[in-house]
Amino acid sequence: MAQAKAAGADTAELRVDHLTEFDPSVDLPALLNDRCLPVIVTCRPTWEGGKYSDPDEARRQQVLVMAMEMGAEFIDVELQVAAAFIEQHVTPRRTAAAAAGDVLKTRVIVSSHNYSVTPPLEDLRELVARIVEAGADIVKFATTAMDITDNARVFQILKEAQLPTIALVMGPRGLISRLLAPKFNAFLTFGAIAPGAESAPGQPTVTELAGTYRLASVGPTTQVFGLIGNPVAHSKGAVLHNAALRHMGYDGVYVPFLVDDVAEFLKAFDHPDFRGFSVTIPHKLAALECCNDVDPLAKSIGAVNTIVRGEGGTRMGYNTDCTAAIEAIEEGLRQAEGGDRAGDASSSSPLAGRLFVVVGAGVPGGLLPSVPKRGVRM
């Protein structure tokens, strides 16, 4: 728990179902006494995707009752049993606390997990209604992303939430549901204490959430930027761009978008706060077709690597690959020749008069529109 706090967590989930030889009478006091963070106590059964395999349901629920009696800030109860659990164990304690002029310290998270799909919007609304009806203090549901556009439906549920809500989309295509959770007023999101210690598919680490993505700085007004591609997990763009945004003091976040269909993605996230995108393989050609206007250089190349949202939702496409590649070669030549690293803008290109050989039809071919302007021989 101390490690989680040091990494930037402000709440810790205790997944006691992951403990071997768990003795609640011994282990719960050890975990809860002198804790340095508020805690969620979760004892997830195998029938809800957890590790607790004891078929004695009453014994499992007693773990949550004990946690409540010890003053745990939150307990997580599965929707399938929540209504009966709350009626039997929570309501009487709330009544007794009220009679004594006090309040029950523990808040109940009622949760549901779908490890197959993200249901349609109306089905999600019905699910939330059932969770609220069960007596939840906090709504929680997790679904599985088949496509990145599934996140848009979950974000819509967060916008409509009447109670504090935790809404997550599991899997690599659901990562943005975790990274953008504060923007859509989610009650919280989850991060793993370390790589390999994830409690759900697609879970980033606490260090990534607090450090790379500056989760504490993300809110409803935060502007969203990111990398459209497939794959994107290898990219260091989030590290670079979020550091730059922090340095500028700009209320923005840069996230990876694992996209299968760029047109469908742009349609699903056609919102003023989604301000611009970098575009990488395999979407640079398709992205050009999704732009309302295209910079002449990008048009001549036939591909875009940058999309900027303009007034009225128009999309402007650019290609910075060409200019960046040429200028990098020029800078390298200037350095090799003992010149100024930045070069002299008024001087001719160090490429002038050289024989320039272009090999390939992809990115190398994209250099063709700019190379002749440097006075080279092709």
Protein backbone atom coordinates (compact mmCIF):
# COMPACT_ATOMS: atom_id res chain seq x y z
CA MET A 1 0.00 0.00 0.00
CA ALA A 2 2.86 2.35 0.80
CA GLN A 3 4.33 1.55 -2.60
CA ALA A 4 1.04 2.46 -4.29
CA LYS A 5 0.87 5.74 -2.38
CA ALA A 6 4.44 6.60 -3.32
CA ALA A 7 3.60 5.92 -6.99
CA GLY A 8 0.72 8.39 -6.88
CA ALA A 9 -2.35 6.34 -5.89
CA ASP A 10 -4.90 7.98 -3.60
CA THR A 11 -6.94 4.81 -2.93
CA ALA A 12 -5.92 1.15 -2.79
CA GLU A 13 -8.02 -1.82 -3.83
CA LEU A 14 -7.31 -4.89 -1.72
CA ARG A 15 -8.05 -7.90 -3.91
CA VAL A 16 -8.14 -10.42 -1.09
CA ASP A 17 -9.40 -13.09 -3.50
CA HIS A 18 -5.85 -13.15 -4.93
CA LEU A 19 -4.34 -14.11 -1.57
CA THR A 20 -3.45 -17.74 -0.94
CA GLU A 21 -4.37 -19.27 2.43
CA PHE A 22 -6.39 -16.19 3.28
CA ASP A 23 -7.59 -16.04 6.90
CA PRO A 24 -9.85 -12.98 7.20
CA SER A 25 -9.70 -12.88 11.01
CA VAL A 26 -5.92 -12.49 10.80
CA ASP A 27 -5.27 -10.96 7.40
CA LEU A 28 -7.95 -8.28 7.31
CA PRO A 29 -6.73 -6.55 10.51
CA ALA A 30 -3.17 -6.76 9.19
CA LEU A 31 -4.26 -5.07 5.97
CA LEU A 32 -6.62 -2.48 7.44
CA ASN A 33 -4.96 -1.41 10.67
CA ASP A 34 -2.66 1.60 10.25
CA ARG A 35 -3.40 1.78 6.51
CA CYS A 36 -1.93 4.77 4.70
CA LEU A 37 -4.67 5.04 2.05
CA PRO A 38 -8.45 4.64 1.87
CA VAL A 39 -9.23 1.12 0.70
CA ILE A 40 -11.68 -0.83 -1.42
CA VAL A 41 -11.99 -4.40 -0.14
CA THR A 42 -12.85 -6.81 -2.95
CA CYS A 43 -13.28 -10.57 -2.70
CA ARG A 44 -14.19 -11.42 -6.28
CA PRO A 45 -15.61 -14.94 -6.81
CA THR A 46 -14.69 -17.07 -9.79
CA TRP A 47 -18.22 -16.73 -11.17
CA GLU A 48 -17.55 -12.99 -11.60
CA GLY A 49 -14.04 -13.39 -12.99
CA GLY A 50 -12.15 -13.36 -9.68
CA LYS A 51 -9.96 -15.84 -7.83
CA TYR A 52 -12.12 -16.77 -4.82
CA SER A 53 -13.14 -20.37 -5.46
CA ASP A 54 -14.74 -21.42 -2.15
CA PRO A 55 -18.34 -22.38 -3.03
CA ASP A 56 -19.55 -21.17 0.37
CA GLU A 57 -21.01 -17.81 -0.63
CA ALA A 58 -21.93 -16.89 2.94
CA ARG A 59 -18.29 -17.29 3.97
CA ARG A 60 -17.14 -15.05 1.14
CA GLN A 61 -19.67 -12.35 2.00
CA GLN A 62 -18.60 -12.48 5.63
CA VAL A 63 -15.22 -11.18 4.50
CA LEU A 64 -16.95 -8.04 3.23
CA VAL A 65 -19.01 -7.74 6.42
CA MET A 66 -15.82 -7.93 8.50
CA ALA A 67 -14.19 -5.27 6.32
CA MET A 68 -17.22 -3.05 6.85
CA GLU A 69 -17.08 -3.56 10.61
CA MET A 70 -13.39 -2.63 10.57
CA GLY A 71 -14.20 0.65 8.87
CA ALA A 72 -13.03 -0.01 5.32
CA GLU A 73 -13.93 3.01 3.20
CA PHE A 74 -15.40 0.89 0.41
CA ILE A 75 -16.46 -2.69 -0.24
CA ASP A 76 -17.16 -4.10 -3.70
CA VAL A 77 -20.25 -6.32 -3.97
CA GLU A 78 -21.23 -8.08 -7.21
CA LEU A 79 -24.60 -7.12 -8.70
CA GLN A 80 -25.79 -10.73 -8.69
CA VAL A 81 -25.87 -10.76 -4.87
CA ALA A 82 -25.89 -7.06 -4.05
CA ALA A 83 -29.56 -6.45 -3.26
CA ALA A 84 -29.75 -9.30 -0.75
CA PHE A 85 -26.35 -8.44 0.75
CA ILE A 86 -27.28 -4.79 1.26
CA GLU A 87 -30.66 -5.66 2.76
CA GLN A 88 -29.15 -8.19 5.17
CA HIS A 89 -25.85 -6.57 6.12
CA VAL A 90 -25.72 -2.89 5.13
CA THR A 91 -29.18 -1.43 5.76
CA PRO A 92 -29.34 -2.56 9.43
CA ARG A 93 -25.92 -1.03 10.10
CA ARG A 94 -26.92 2.21 8.40
CA THR A 95 -30.06 2.34 10.53
CA ALA A 96 -28.12 1.66 13.73
CA ALA A 97 -25.54 4.29 12.87
CA ALA A 98 -28.25 6.86 12.14
CA ALA A 99 -29.97 6.10 15.44
CA ALA A 100 -26.70 6.86 17.19
CA GLY A 101 -26.33 10.13 15.31
CA ASP A 102 -23.62 8.72 13.11
CA VAL A 103 -23.22 7.45 9.56
CA LEU A 104 -21.91 4.16 8.23
CA LYS A 105 -18.32 4.82 7.20
CA THR A 106 -18.30 2.18 4.47
CA ARG A 107 -19.71 2.94 1.02
CA VAL A 108 -20.90 0.06 -1.16
CA ILE A 109 -19.68 -0.29 -4.73
CA VAL A 110 -22.04 -2.54 -6.68
CA SER A 111 -20.22 -3.98 -9.68
CA SER A 112 -20.87 -5.89 -12.88
CA HIS A 113 -18.29 -7.33 -15.30
CA ASN A 114 -18.75 -8.36 -18.92
CA TYR A 115 -15.72 -10.22 -20.24
CA SER A 116 -17.12 -10.68 -23.74
CA VAL A 117 -18.40 -7.40 -25.22
CA THR A 118 -19.51 -3.83 -24.57
CA PRO A 119 -23.31 -3.92 -24.88
CA PRO A 120 -25.38 -1.34 -26.79
CA LEU A 121 -26.05 1.98 -25.08
CA GLU A 122 -29.60 1.14 -24.02
CA ASP A 123 -28.43 -2.12 -22.46
CA LEU A 124 -25.79 -0.23 -20.50
CA ARG A 125 -28.41 2.20 -19.26
CA GLU A 126 -30.56 -0.73 -18.09
CA LEU A 127 -27.55 -2.26 -16.36
CA VAL A 128 -26.84 0.97 -14.49
CA ALA A 129 -30.51 1.19 -13.44
CA ARG A 130 -30.31 -2.33 -11.98
CA ILE A 131 -27.14 -1.46 -10.07
CA VAL A 132 -28.77 1.67 -8.65
CA GLU A 133 -31.93 -0.28 -7.73
CA ALA A 134 -29.80 -2.81 -5.85
CA GLY A 135 -28.81 -0.06 -3.43
CA ALA A 136 -25.38 1.01 -4.66
CA ASP A 137 -23.63 4.01 -3.21
CA ILE A 138 -21.28 3.82 -6.18
CA VAL A 139 -22.00 2.25 -9.57
CA LYS A 140 -19.31 0.16 -11.21
CA PHE A 141 -19.34 -1.75 -14.47
CA ALA A 142 -16.59 -3.07 -16.69
CA THR A 143 -17.06 -4.28 -20.25
CA THR A 144 -14.74 -5.59 -22.95
CA ALA A 145 -13.69 -3.60 -26.02
CA MET A 146 -14.06 -5.25 -29.40
CA ASP A 147 -13.40 -1.89 -31.07
CA ILE A 148 -12.15 1.44 -29.74
CA THR A 149 -15.53 3.01 -30.54
CA ASP A 150 -17.01 0.94 -27.67
CA ASN A 151 -15.46 3.51 -25.33
CA ALA A 152 -17.76 6.22 -26.68
CA ARG A 153 -20.83 4.44 -25.29
CA VAL A 154 -19.22 4.09 -21.88
CA PHE A 155 -18.24 7.76 -21.87
CA GLN A 156 -21.87 8.60 -22.64
CA ILE A 157 -23.00 6.62 -19.58
CA LEU A 158 -20.54 8.58 -17.44
CA LYS A 159 -21.98 11.84 -18.76
CA GLU A 160 -25.48 10.70 -17.74
CA ALA A 161 -24.50 9.33 -14.31
CA GLN A 162 -26.69 10.29 -11.34
CA LEU A 163 -24.51 8.48 -8.79
CA PRO A 164 -20.72 8.30 -8.54
CA THR A 165 -19.77 5.86 -11.28
CA ILE A 166 -16.78 3.74 -12.22
CA ALA A 167 -17.02 2.71 -15.87
CA LEU A 168 -14.20 0.84 -17.57
CA VAL A 169 -13.62 -0.95 -20.86
CA MET A 170 -11.19 -3.83 -20.58
CA GLY A 171 -8.58 -4.84 -23.14
CA PRO A 172 -6.07 -2.88 -25.24
CA ARG A 173 -8.82 -1.10 -27.20
CA GLY A 174 -10.35 0.04 -23.94
CA LEU A 175 -7.25 1.73 -22.55
CA ILE A 176 -8.62 5.23 -23.16
CA SER A 177 -11.55 4.50 -20.81
CA ARG A 178 -8.94 4.43 -18.04
CA LEU A 179 -6.76 7.30 -19.25
CA LEU A 180 -9.68 9.66 -19.87
CA ALA A 181 -11.81 8.60 -16.88
CA PRO A 182 -11.43 11.94 -15.01
CA LYS A 183 -12.44 13.90 -18.10
CA PHE A 184 -15.82 12.20 -18.01
CA ASN A 185 -16.18 12.52 -14.21
CA ALA A 186 -15.60 8.86 -13.38
CA PHE A 187 -15.37 8.26 -9.64
CA LEU A 188 -12.00 6.57 -10.06
CA THR A 189 -9.93 4.39 -12.34
CA PHE A 190 -7.61 1.49 -11.59
CA GLY A 191 -3.89 1.06 -12.10
CA ALA A 192 -1.62 -1.89 -11.42
CA ILE A 193 1.11 -1.57 -8.82
CA ALA A 194 3.63 -2.89 -11.35
CA PRO A 195 3.75 -4.40 -14.85
CA GLY A 196 2.43 -7.96 -14.68
CA ALA A 197 0.33 -7.27 -11.58
CA GLU A 198 -2.81 -6.22 -13.48
CA SER A 199 -6.16 -7.23 -11.99
CA ALA A 200 -7.94 -6.71 -15.33
CA PRO A 201 -6.96 -6.78 -19.02
CA GLY A 202 -5.55 -3.53 -20.38
CA GLN A 203 -4.78 -2.00 -16.99
CA PRO A 204 -1.91 0.52 -17.01
CA THR A 205 0.37 0.97 -14.01
CA VAL A 206 -0.16 3.59 -11.32
CA THR A 207 3.14 5.15 -12.35
CA GLU A 208 1.94 5.53 -15.94
CA LEU A 209 -1.39 6.99 -14.86
CA ALA A 210 0.08 9.44 -12.36
CA GLY A 211 3.28 10.22 -14.24
CA THR A 212 3.03 9.83 -18.01
CA TYR A 213 -0.66 10.75 -18.29
CA ARG A 214 -0.85 13.17 -15.32
CA LEU A 215 -4.24 11.77 -14.31
CA ALA A 216 -4.58 14.21 -11.42
CA SER A 217 -4.50 17.09 -13.94
CA VAL A 218 -7.13 15.64 -16.29
CA GLY A 219 -10.63 17.04 -15.94
CA PRO A 220 -13.78 17.95 -17.88
CA THR A 221 -12.07 20.82 -19.75
CA THR A 222 -8.98 18.82 -20.73
CA GLN A 223 -8.31 18.76 -24.48
CA VAL A 224 -7.57 15.35 -25.96
CA PHE A 225 -4.84 14.56 -28.47
CA GLY A 226 -3.39 11.22 -29.43
CA LEU A 227 -1.86 8.74 -31.81
CA ILE A 228 -4.12 6.85 -34.23
CA GLY A 229 -2.54 3.58 -35.34
CA ASN A 230 -2.37 -0.17 -35.07
CA PRO A 231 -0.20 -1.13 -33.26
CA VAL A 232 0.40 1.79 -30.90
CA ALA A 233 1.58 0.21 -27.63
CA HIS A 234 5.24 0.57 -28.64
CA SER A 235 5.00 4.31 -29.25
CA LYS A 236 6.81 6.76 -26.95
CA GLY A 237 4.57 9.58 -28.18
CA ALA A 238 2.63 9.84 -24.93
CA VAL A 239 5.83 10.29 -22.94
CA LEU A 240 7.09 13.02 -25.28
CA HIS A 241 3.87 14.93 -25.86
CA ASN A 242 2.56 14.82 -22.29
CA ALA A 243 5.90 16.14 -21.04
CA ALA A 244 5.58 18.97 -23.56
CA LEU A 245 2.01 19.72 -22.50
CA ARG A 246 3.11 19.80 -18.87
CA HIS A 247 5.97 22.15 -19.71
CA MET A 248 3.59 24.49 -21.56
CA GLY A 249 1.05 24.44 -18.75
CA TYR A 250 -1.57 23.37 -21.30
CA ASP A 251 -4.73 21.58 -20.15
CA GLY A 252 -4.36 18.64 -22.50
CA VAL A 253 -3.49 14.95 -22.59
CA TYR A 254 -2.00 12.80 -25.35
CA VAL A 255 -3.09 9.15 -25.45
CA PRO A 256 -2.68 6.12 -27.74
CA PHE A 257 -5.70 5.18 -29.85
CA LEU A 258 -5.64 1.56 -31.03
CA VAL A 259 -7.80 1.99 -34.13
CA ASP A 260 -9.03 -0.59 -36.62
CA ASP A 261 -11.18 1.71 -38.79
CA VAL A 262 -10.08 5.35 -38.80
CA ALA A 263 -13.31 6.66 -40.33
CA GLU A 264 -15.45 4.99 -37.66
CA PHE A 265 -13.12 6.21 -34.93
CA LEU A 266 -13.32 9.83 -36.10
CA LYS A 267 -17.10 9.57 -36.35
CA ALA A 268 -17.43 8.17 -32.82
CA PHE A 269 -15.17 10.83 -31.28
CA ASP A 270 -16.34 13.81 -33.33
CA HIS A 271 -16.27 16.20 -30.37
CA PRO A 272 -14.64 19.64 -29.98
CA ASP A 273 -12.49 18.41 -27.07
CA PHE A 274 -10.83 15.79 -29.28
CA ARG A 275 -8.61 18.40 -30.88
CA GLY A 276 -6.06 16.61 -33.01
CA PHE A 277 -4.32 13.37 -33.85
CA SER A 278 -1.02 12.01 -35.00
CA VAL A 279 -1.54 9.23 -37.53
CA THR A 280 0.73 6.25 -38.04
CA ILE A 281 0.59 2.91 -39.86
CA PRO A 282 -1.63 1.59 -41.32
CA HIS A 283 -3.96 4.60 -41.43
CA LYS A 284 -2.07 7.42 -43.18
CA LEU A 285 -3.76 6.86 -46.55
CA ALA A 286 -7.24 6.28 -45.13
CA ALA A 287 -6.91 9.31 -42.85
CA LEU A 288 -6.44 11.58 -45.86
CA GLU A 289 -9.87 10.54 -47.14
CA CYS A 290 -11.40 11.51 -43.78
CA CYS A 291 -10.21 15.12 -43.94
CA ASN A 292 -12.34 18.01 -45.17
CA ASP A 293 -9.27 19.90 -46.31
CA VAL A 294 -5.73 18.70 -46.99
CA ASP A 295 -2.50 20.68 -47.03
CA PRO A 296 -1.04 20.81 -50.58
CA LEU A 297 2.12 18.96 -49.56
CA ALA A 298 0.11 16.16 -47.93
CA LYS A 299 -2.11 16.01 -51.00
CA SER A 300 0.90 15.64 -53.28
CA ILE A 301 2.29 12.88 -51.07
CA GLY A 302 -1.09 11.14 -50.83
CA ALA A 303 -1.01 10.60 -47.07
CA VAL A 304 -1.45 12.52 -43.80
CA ASN A 305 0.23 11.97 -40.46
CA THR A 306 -1.52 14.81 -38.62
CA ILE A 307 -5.20 15.73 -38.31
CA VAL A 308 -6.28 19.00 -36.70
CA ARG A 309 -9.88 19.75 -35.78
CA GLY A 310 -10.92 23.17 -37.01
CA GLU A 311 -13.90 25.43 -36.52
CA GLY A 312 -17.23 23.70 -36.97
CA GLY A 313 -15.65 20.26 -36.70
CA THR A 314 -13.75 20.39 -39.99
CA ARG A 315 -10.65 18.22 -40.22
CA MET A 316 -7.44 19.55 -41.73
CA GLY A 317 -4.84 17.00 -42.83
CA TYR A 318 -1.09 17.59 -42.89
CA ASN A 319 2.04 15.57 -43.58
CA THR A 320 5.08 16.48 -41.50
CA ASP A 321 7.03 13.31 -42.35
CA CYS A 322 8.45 14.80 -45.52
CA THR A 323 9.70 18.07 -44.05
CA ALA A 324 11.04 16.39 -40.92
CA ALA A 325 12.97 13.76 -42.90
CA ILE A 326 14.54 16.29 -45.26
CA GLU A 327 15.47 18.68 -42.46
CA ALA A 328 17.00 15.85 -40.44
CA ILE A 329 19.22 14.92 -43.40
CA GLU A 330 20.18 18.56 -43.88
CA GLU A 331 21.04 18.96 -40.21
CA GLY A 332 23.14 15.81 -40.30
CA LEU A 333 25.08 17.10 -43.31
CA ARG A 334 25.68 20.47 -41.65
CA GLN A 335 27.03 18.76 -38.55
CA ALA A 336 29.22 16.45 -40.61
CA GLU A 337 30.62 19.46 -42.42
CA GLY A 338 31.28 21.33 -39.17
CA GLY A 339 28.46 23.80 -39.57
CA ASP A 340 25.95 25.20 -37.11
CA ARG A 341 23.63 22.48 -35.80
CA ALA A 342 20.55 24.58 -36.50
CA GLY A 343 21.83 25.72 -39.86
CA ASP A 344 21.38 29.10 -41.45
CA ALA A 345 17.86 29.62 -42.72
CA SER A 346 19.11 32.06 -45.32
CA SER A 347 21.69 29.67 -46.76
CA SER A 348 21.03 27.14 -49.46
CA SER A 349 20.34 23.55 -48.57
CA PRO A 350 23.44 21.39 -47.98
CA LEU A 351 21.68 18.95 -50.29
CA ALA A 352 22.10 21.31 -53.25
CA GLY A 353 24.05 19.72 -56.08
CA ARG A 354 24.09 16.29 -54.48
CA LEU A 355 22.82 13.10 -56.01
CA PHE A 356 19.75 12.01 -54.04
CA VAL A 357 18.70 8.36 -54.29
CA VAL A 358 15.19 7.44 -53.15
CA VAL A 359 14.63 3.77 -52.35
CA GLY A 360 11.14 2.44 -51.68
CA ALA A 361 7.57 3.48 -52.37
CA GLY A 362 6.32 4.20 -48.87
CA VAL A 363 7.79 6.94 -46.66
CA PRO A 364 10.85 7.33 -48.92
CA GLY A 365 8.54 7.96 -51.85
CA GLY A 366 6.83 10.63 -49.79
CA LEU A 367 10.03 12.69 -49.86
CA LEU A 368 9.81 13.27 -53.62
CA PRO A 369 7.71 16.48 -53.55
CA SER A 370 10.29 18.38 -51.45
CA VAL A 371 13.62 17.02 -52.59
CA PRO A 372 13.82 18.82 -55.97
CA LYS A 373 13.26 22.16 -54.24
CA ARG A 374 16.62 21.68 -52.50
CA GLY A 375 18.48 21.75 -55.80
CA VAL A 376 19.41 18.09 -55.81
CA ARG A 377 19.87 15.66 -58.64
CA MET A 378 17.44 12.72 -58.39
